[in-house]
Amino acid sequence: MAPYFGCVVGRFANRIANGSFTLDGEEFKLAVNNGPNHLHGGLIGYNKKLFDTEILTSKNREPGL
């Protein structure tokens, strides 16, 4: 497994055991990508996404940001 130094991990940074969790009595099943576990956001993590970017300078930045 290659290291991901400097990458954006994803929606969370850990494993969800057995690829499922229960919230308010409803069970959610997730993709498993680490043995039986769901790791760092699943099969298509943020490291596989392409983002649009924009360089902001003090000249084109909104006040207060």
PDB file of N, CA and C in Angstrom:
ATOM      1  N   MET A   1       0.852  -1.174   0.000  1.00  0.00           N
ATOM      2  CA  MET A   1       0.000   0.000   0.000  1.00  0.00           C
ATOM      3  C   MET A   1       0.900   1.240   0.000  1.00  0.00           C
ATOM      4  N   ALA A   2       0.668   2.136  -0.921  1.00  0.00           N
ATOM      5  CA  ALA A   2       1.480   3.352  -1.031  1.00  0.00           C
ATOM      6  C   ALA A   2       1.101   4.348   0.061  1.00  0.00           C
ATOM      7  N   PRO A   3       2.071   5.105   0.567  1.00  0.00           N
ATOM      8  CA  PRO A   3       1.738   6.135   1.558  1.00  0.00           C
ATOM      9  C   PRO A   3       0.994   7.289   0.896  1.00  0.00           C
ATOM     10  N   TYR A   4       0.174   7.942   1.654  1.00  0.00           N
ATOM     11  CA  TYR A   4      -0.625   9.063   1.160  1.00  0.00           C
ATOM     12  C   TYR A   4      -0.244  10.339   1.907  1.00  0.00           C
ATOM     13  N   PHE A   5       1.037  10.644   1.981  1.00  0.00           N
ATOM     14  CA  PHE A   5       1.481  11.838   2.685  1.00  0.00           C
ATOM     15  C   PHE A   5       0.901  13.077   2.032  1.00  0.00           C
ATOM     16  N   GLY A   6       0.280  13.949   2.830  1.00  0.00           N
ATOM     17  CA  GLY A   6      -0.258  15.200   2.325  1.00  0.00           C
ATOM     18  C   GLY A   6      -1.602  15.079   1.635  1.00  0.00           C
ATOM     19  N   CYS A   7      -2.219  13.913   1.655  1.00  0.00           N
ATOM     20  CA  CYS A   7      -3.503  13.774   0.961  1.00  0.00           C
ATOM     21  C   CYS A   7      -4.653  14.168   1.887  1.00  0.00           C
ATOM     22  N   VAL A   8      -5.809  14.419   1.292  1.00  0.00           N
ATOM     23  CA  VAL A   8      -7.036  14.632   2.041  1.00  0.00           C
ATOM     24  C   VAL A   8      -7.643  13.258   2.254  1.00  0.00           C
ATOM     25  N   VAL A   9      -7.808  12.861   3.501  1.00  0.00           N
ATOM     26  CA  VAL A   9      -8.222  11.492   3.807  1.00  0.00           C
ATOM     27  C   VAL A   9      -9.651  11.226   3.369  1.00  0.00           C
ATOM     28  N   GLY A  10     -10.568  12.069   3.729  1.00  0.00           N
ATOM     29  CA  GLY A  10     -11.967  11.837   3.385  1.00  0.00           C
ATOM     30  C   GLY A  10     -12.881  12.261   4.499  1.00  0.00           C
ATOM     31  N   ARG A  11     -14.043  11.685   4.516  1.00  0.00           N
ATOM     32  CA  ARG A  11     -15.068  12.107   5.470  1.00  0.00           C
ATOM     33  C   ARG A  11     -14.721  11.749   6.908  1.00  0.00           C
ATOM     34  N   PHE A  12     -13.885  10.770   7.090  1.00  0.00           N
ATOM     35  CA  PHE A  12     -13.403  10.406   8.424  1.00  0.00           C
ATOM     36  C   PHE A  12     -12.077   9.682   8.252  1.00  0.00           C
ATOM     37  N   ALA A  13     -11.324   9.582   9.330  1.00  0.00           N
ATOM     38  CA  ALA A  13     -10.001   8.960   9.256  1.00  0.00           C
ATOM     39  C   ALA A  13      -9.927   7.784  10.224  1.00  0.00           C
ATOM     40  N   ASN A  14     -10.541   6.691   9.845  1.00  0.00           N
ATOM     41  CA  ASN A  14     -10.465   5.484  10.654  1.00  0.00           C
ATOM     42  C   ASN A  14     -11.229   4.374   9.947  1.00  0.00           C
ATOM     43  N   ARG A  15     -11.381   3.258  10.624  1.00  0.00           N
ATOM     44  CA  ARG A  15     -12.101   2.119  10.074  1.00  0.00           C
ATOM     45  C   ARG A  15     -13.481   2.016  10.715  1.00  0.00           C
ATOM     46  N   ILE A  16     -14.446   1.589   9.917  1.00  0.00           N
ATOM     47  CA  ILE A  16     -15.756   1.240  10.460  1.00  0.00           C
ATOM     48  C   ILE A  16     -15.837  -0.279  10.386  1.00  0.00           C
ATOM     49  N   ALA A  17     -15.873  -0.905  11.559  1.00  0.00           N
ATOM     50  CA  ALA A  17     -15.826  -2.361  11.658  1.00  0.00           C
ATOM     51  C   ALA A  17     -16.950  -3.013  10.875  1.00  0.00           C
ATOM     52  N   ASN A  18     -16.603  -4.034  10.120  1.00  0.00           N
ATOM     53  CA  ASN A  18     -17.545  -4.835   9.344  1.00  0.00           C
ATOM     54  C   ASN A  18     -18.344  -4.027   8.324  1.00  0.00           C
ATOM     55  N   GLY A  19     -17.903  -2.804   8.028  1.00  0.00           N
ATOM     56  CA  GLY A  19     -18.523  -2.006   6.983  1.00  0.00           C
ATOM     57  C   GLY A  19     -19.962  -1.609   7.233  1.00  0.00           C
ATOM     58  N   SER A  20     -20.370  -1.505   8.496  1.00  0.00           N
ATOM     59  CA  SER A  20     -21.733  -1.074   8.780  1.00  0.00           C
ATOM     60  C   SER A  20     -21.804  -0.395  10.138  1.00  0.00           C
ATOM     61  N   PHE A  21     -22.820   0.445  10.287  1.00  0.00           N
ATOM     62  CA  PHE A  21     -23.060   1.105  11.568  1.00  0.00           C
ATOM     63  C   PHE A  21     -24.560   1.354  11.697  1.00  0.00           C
ATOM     64  N   THR A  22     -25.009   1.600  12.927  1.00  0.00           N
ATOM     65  CA  THR A  22     -26.414   1.873  13.201  1.00  0.00           C
ATOM     66  C   THR A  22     -26.535   3.284  13.744  1.00  0.00           C
ATOM     67  N   LEU A  23     -27.476   4.040  13.181  1.00  0.00           N
ATOM     68  CA  LEU A  23     -27.729   5.415  13.618  1.00  0.00           C
ATOM     69  C   LEU A  23     -29.234   5.581  13.772  1.00  0.00           C
ATOM     70  N   ASP A  24     -29.664   5.963  14.956  1.00  0.00           N
ATOM     71  CA  ASP A  24     -31.089   6.139  15.252  1.00  0.00           C
ATOM     72  C   ASP A  24     -31.904   4.898  14.875  1.00  0.00           C
ATOM     73  N   GLY A  25     -31.343   3.727  15.143  1.00  0.00           N
ATOM     74  CA  GLY A  25     -32.046   2.480  14.903  1.00  0.00           C
ATOM     75  C   GLY A  25     -32.006   1.982  13.469  1.00  0.00           C
ATOM     76  N   GLU A  26     -31.402   2.740  12.540  1.00  0.00           N
ATOM     77  CA  GLU A  26     -31.318   2.315  11.149  1.00  0.00           C
ATOM     78  C   GLU A  26     -29.893   1.872  10.841  1.00  0.00           C
ATOM     79  N   GLU A  27     -29.767   0.685  10.218  1.00  0.00           N
ATOM     80  CA  GLU A  27     -28.441   0.160   9.883  1.00  0.00           C
ATOM     81  C   GLU A  27     -28.017   0.648   8.495  1.00  0.00           C
ATOM     82  N   PHE A  28     -26.778   1.102   8.398  1.00  0.00           N
ATOM     83  CA  PHE A  28     -26.203   1.567   7.143  1.00  0.00           C
ATOM     84  C   PHE A  28     -25.052   0.643   6.774  1.00  0.00           C
ATOM     85  N   LYS A  29     -25.057   0.133   5.554  1.00  0.00           N
ATOM     86  CA  LYS A  29     -23.984  -0.735   5.067  1.00  0.00           C
ATOM     87  C   LYS A  29     -23.117   0.065   4.108  1.00  0.00           C
ATOM     88  N   LEU A  30     -21.805  -0.065   4.266  1.00  0.00           N
ATOM     89  CA  LEU A  30     -20.836   0.690   3.482  1.00  0.00           C
ATOM     90  C   LEU A  30     -19.957  -0.262   2.680  1.00  0.00           C
ATOM     91  N   ALA A  31     -19.281   0.275   1.685  1.00  0.00           N
ATOM     92  CA  ALA A  31     -18.331  -0.526   0.915  1.00  0.00           C
ATOM     93  C   ALA A  31     -17.179  -0.940   1.819  1.00  0.00           C
ATOM     94  N   VAL A  32     -16.712  -2.163   1.688  1.00  0.00           N
ATOM     95  CA  VAL A  32     -15.555  -2.621   2.462  1.00  0.00           C
ATOM     96  C   VAL A  32     -14.328  -2.590   1.558  1.00  0.00           C
ATOM     97  N   ASN A  33     -13.241  -2.042   2.097  1.00  0.00           N
ATOM     98  CA  ASN A  33     -12.012  -1.903   1.321  1.00  0.00           C
ATOM     99  C   ASN A  33     -10.764  -2.169   2.156  1.00  0.00           C
ATOM    100  N   ASN A  34     -10.946  -2.730   3.333  1.00  0.00           N
ATOM    101  CA  ASN A  34      -9.830  -3.043   4.218  1.00  0.00           C
ATOM    102  C   ASN A  34     -10.191  -4.325   4.959  1.00  0.00           C
ATOM    103  N   GLY A  35     -10.052  -5.458   4.254  1.00  0.00           N
ATOM    104  CA  GLY A  35     -10.559  -6.706   4.823  1.00  0.00           C
ATOM    105  C   GLY A  35     -12.064  -6.576   4.961  1.00  0.00           C
ATOM    106  N   PRO A  36     -12.619  -6.858   6.143  1.00  0.00           N
ATOM    107  CA  PRO A  36     -14.069  -6.728   6.323  1.00  0.00           C
ATOM    108  C   PRO A  36     -14.507  -5.308   6.691  1.00  0.00           C
ATOM    109  N   ASN A  37     -13.571  -4.362   6.737  1.00  0.00           N
ATOM    110  CA  ASN A  37     -13.843  -3.018   7.247  1.00  0.00           C
ATOM    111  C   ASN A  37     -13.948  -1.966   6.145  1.00  0.00           C
ATOM    112  N   HIS A  38     -14.582  -0.866   6.491  1.00  0.00           N
ATOM    113  CA  HIS A  38     -14.684   0.313   5.633  1.00  0.00           C
ATOM    114  C   HIS A  38     -13.612   1.291   6.127  1.00  0.00           C
ATOM    115  N   LEU A  39     -12.666   1.661   5.269  1.00  0.00           N
ATOM    116  CA  LEU A  39     -11.528   2.484   5.687  1.00  0.00           C
ATOM    117  C   LEU A  39     -11.516   3.826   4.956  1.00  0.00           C
ATOM    118  N   HIS A  40     -11.411   4.914   5.702  1.00  0.00           N
ATOM    119  CA  HIS A  40     -11.187   6.274   5.188  1.00  0.00           C
ATOM    120  C   HIS A  40     -12.152   6.719   4.096  1.00  0.00           C
ATOM    121  N   GLY A  41     -13.391   6.326   4.154  1.00  0.00           N
ATOM    122  CA  GLY A  41     -14.357   6.834   3.193  1.00  0.00           C
ATOM    123  C   GLY A  41     -14.702   5.893   2.067  1.00  0.00           C
ATOM    124  N   GLY A  42     -14.093   4.740   2.006  1.00  0.00           N
ATOM    125  CA  GLY A  42     -14.529   3.749   1.038  1.00  0.00           C
ATOM    126  C   GLY A  42     -13.667   3.587  -0.188  1.00  0.00           C
ATOM    127  N   LEU A  43     -14.279   3.026  -1.216  1.00  0.00           N
ATOM    128  CA  LEU A  43     -13.547   2.656  -2.424  1.00  0.00           C
ATOM    129  C   LEU A  43     -13.104   3.864  -3.240  1.00  0.00           C
ATOM    130  N   ILE A  44     -13.934   4.896  -3.287  1.00  0.00           N
ATOM    131  CA  ILE A  44     -13.583   6.091  -4.059  1.00  0.00           C
ATOM    132  C   ILE A  44     -13.390   7.233  -3.069  1.00  0.00           C
ATOM    133  N   GLY A  45     -12.205   7.275  -2.463  1.00  0.00           N
ATOM    134  CA  GLY A  45     -11.890   8.299  -1.477  1.00  0.00           C
ATOM    135  C   GLY A  45     -11.566   9.631  -2.128  1.00  0.00           C
ATOM    136  N   TYR A  46     -11.351  10.625  -1.310  1.00  0.00           N
ATOM    137  CA  TYR A  46     -11.032  11.965  -1.819  1.00  0.00           C
ATOM    138  C   TYR A  46      -9.745  11.967  -2.636  1.00  0.00           C
ATOM    139  N   ASN A  47      -8.843  11.009  -2.393  1.00  0.00           N
ATOM    140  CA  ASN A  47      -7.606  10.938  -3.174  1.00  0.00           C
ATOM    141  C   ASN A  47      -7.871  10.555  -4.628  1.00  0.00           C
ATOM    142  N   LYS A  48      -9.089  10.118  -4.929  1.00  0.00           N
ATOM    143  CA  LYS A  48      -9.453   9.763  -6.300  1.00  0.00           C
ATOM    144  C   LYS A  48     -10.360  10.806  -6.954  1.00  0.00           C
ATOM    145  N   LYS A  49     -10.640  11.891  -6.258  1.00  0.00           N
ATOM    146  CA  LYS A  49     -11.520  12.948  -6.760  1.00  0.00           C
ATOM    147  C   LYS A  49     -10.695  14.049  -7.408  1.00  0.00           C
ATOM    148  N   LEU A  50     -11.299  14.713  -8.356  1.00  0.00           N
ATOM    149  CA  LEU A  50     -10.677  15.845  -9.016  1.00  0.00           C
ATOM    150  C   LEU A  50     -11.424  17.099  -8.579  1.00  0.00           C
ATOM    151  N   PHE A  51     -10.703  18.069  -8.035  1.00  0.00           N
ATOM    152  CA  PHE A  51     -11.308  19.276  -7.505  1.00  0.00           C
ATOM    153  C   PHE A  51     -10.996  20.474  -8.396  1.00  0.00           C
ATOM    154  N   ASP A  52     -11.970  21.370  -8.545  1.00  0.00           N
ATOM    155  CA  ASP A  52     -11.719  22.664  -9.183  1.00  0.00           C
ATOM    156  C   ASP A  52     -11.116  23.578  -8.124  1.00  0.00           C
ATOM    157  N   THR A  53     -10.106  24.325  -8.493  1.00  0.00           N
ATOM    158  CA  THR A  53      -9.454  25.217  -7.537  1.00  0.00           C
ATOM    159  C   THR A  53      -9.390  26.631  -8.077  1.00  0.00           C
ATOM    160  N   GLU A  54      -9.160  27.549  -7.182  1.00  0.00           N
ATOM    161  CA  GLU A  54      -9.020  28.955  -7.543  1.00  0.00           C
ATOM    162  C   GLU A  54      -8.004  29.574  -6.593  1.00  0.00           C
ATOM    163  N   ILE A  55      -7.051  30.300  -7.140  1.00  0.00           N
ATOM    164  CA  ILE A  55      -6.058  30.984  -6.321  1.00  0.00           C
ATOM    165  C   ILE A  55      -6.656  32.300  -5.847  1.00  0.00           C
ATOM    166  N   LEU A  56      -6.656  32.508  -4.542  1.00  0.00           N
ATOM    167  CA  LEU A  56      -7.157  33.747  -3.958  1.00  0.00           C
ATOM    168  C   LEU A  56      -5.989  34.589  -3.485  1.00  0.00           C
ATOM    169  N   THR A  57      -6.020  35.836  -3.828  1.00  0.00           N
ATOM    170  CA  THR A  57      -5.032  36.784  -3.334  1.00  0.00           C
ATOM    171  C   THR A  57      -5.772  37.860  -2.561  1.00  0.00           C
ATOM    172  N   SER A  58      -5.052  38.739  -1.917  1.00  0.00           N
ATOM    173  CA  SER A  58      -5.710  39.810  -1.162  1.00  0.00           C
ATOM    174  C   SER A  58      -6.487  40.736  -2.095  1.00  0.00           C
ATOM    175  N   LYS A  59      -6.186  40.727  -3.388  1.00  0.00           N
ATOM    176  CA  LYS A  59      -6.884  41.591  -4.342  1.00  0.00           C
ATOM    177  C   LYS A  59      -8.260  41.048  -4.723  1.00  0.00           C
ATOM    178  N   ASN A  60      -8.425  39.724  -4.770  1.00  0.00           N
ATOM    179  CA  ASN A  60      -9.728  39.171  -5.190  1.00  0.00           C
ATOM    180  C   ASN A  60     -10.416  38.375  -4.075  1.00  0.00           C
ATOM    181  N   ARG A  61      -9.946  38.528  -2.861  1.00  0.00           N
ATOM    182  CA  ARG A  61     -10.531  37.818  -1.723  1.00  0.00           C
ATOM    183  C   ARG A  61     -11.668  38.630  -1.129  1.00  0.00           C
ATOM    184  N   GLU A  62     -12.725  37.941  -0.687  1.00  0.00           N
ATOM    185  CA  GLU A  62     -13.836  38.634  -0.051  1.00  0.00           C
ATOM    186  C   GLU A  62     -13.387  39.206   1.281  1.00  0.00           C
ATOM    187  N   PRO A  63     -13.878  40.377   1.647  1.00  0.00           N
ATOM    188  CA  PRO A  63     -13.517  40.973   2.950  1.00  0.00           C
ATOM    189  C   PRO A  63     -13.898  40.047   4.092  1.00  0.00           C
ATOM    190  N   GLY A  64     -13.043  39.960   5.072  1.00  0.00           N
ATOM    191  CA  GLY A  64     -13.310  39.155   6.260  1.00  0.00           C
ATOM    192  C   GLY A  64     -12.874  37.710   6.149  1.00  0.00           C
ATOM    193  N   LEU A  65     -12.321  37.309   4.984  1.00  0.00           N
ATOM    194  CA  LEU A  65     -11.860  35.926   4.841  1.00  0.00           C
ATOM    195  C   LEU A  65     -10.362  35.853   4.966  1.00  0.00           C
TER     196      LEU A  65
END
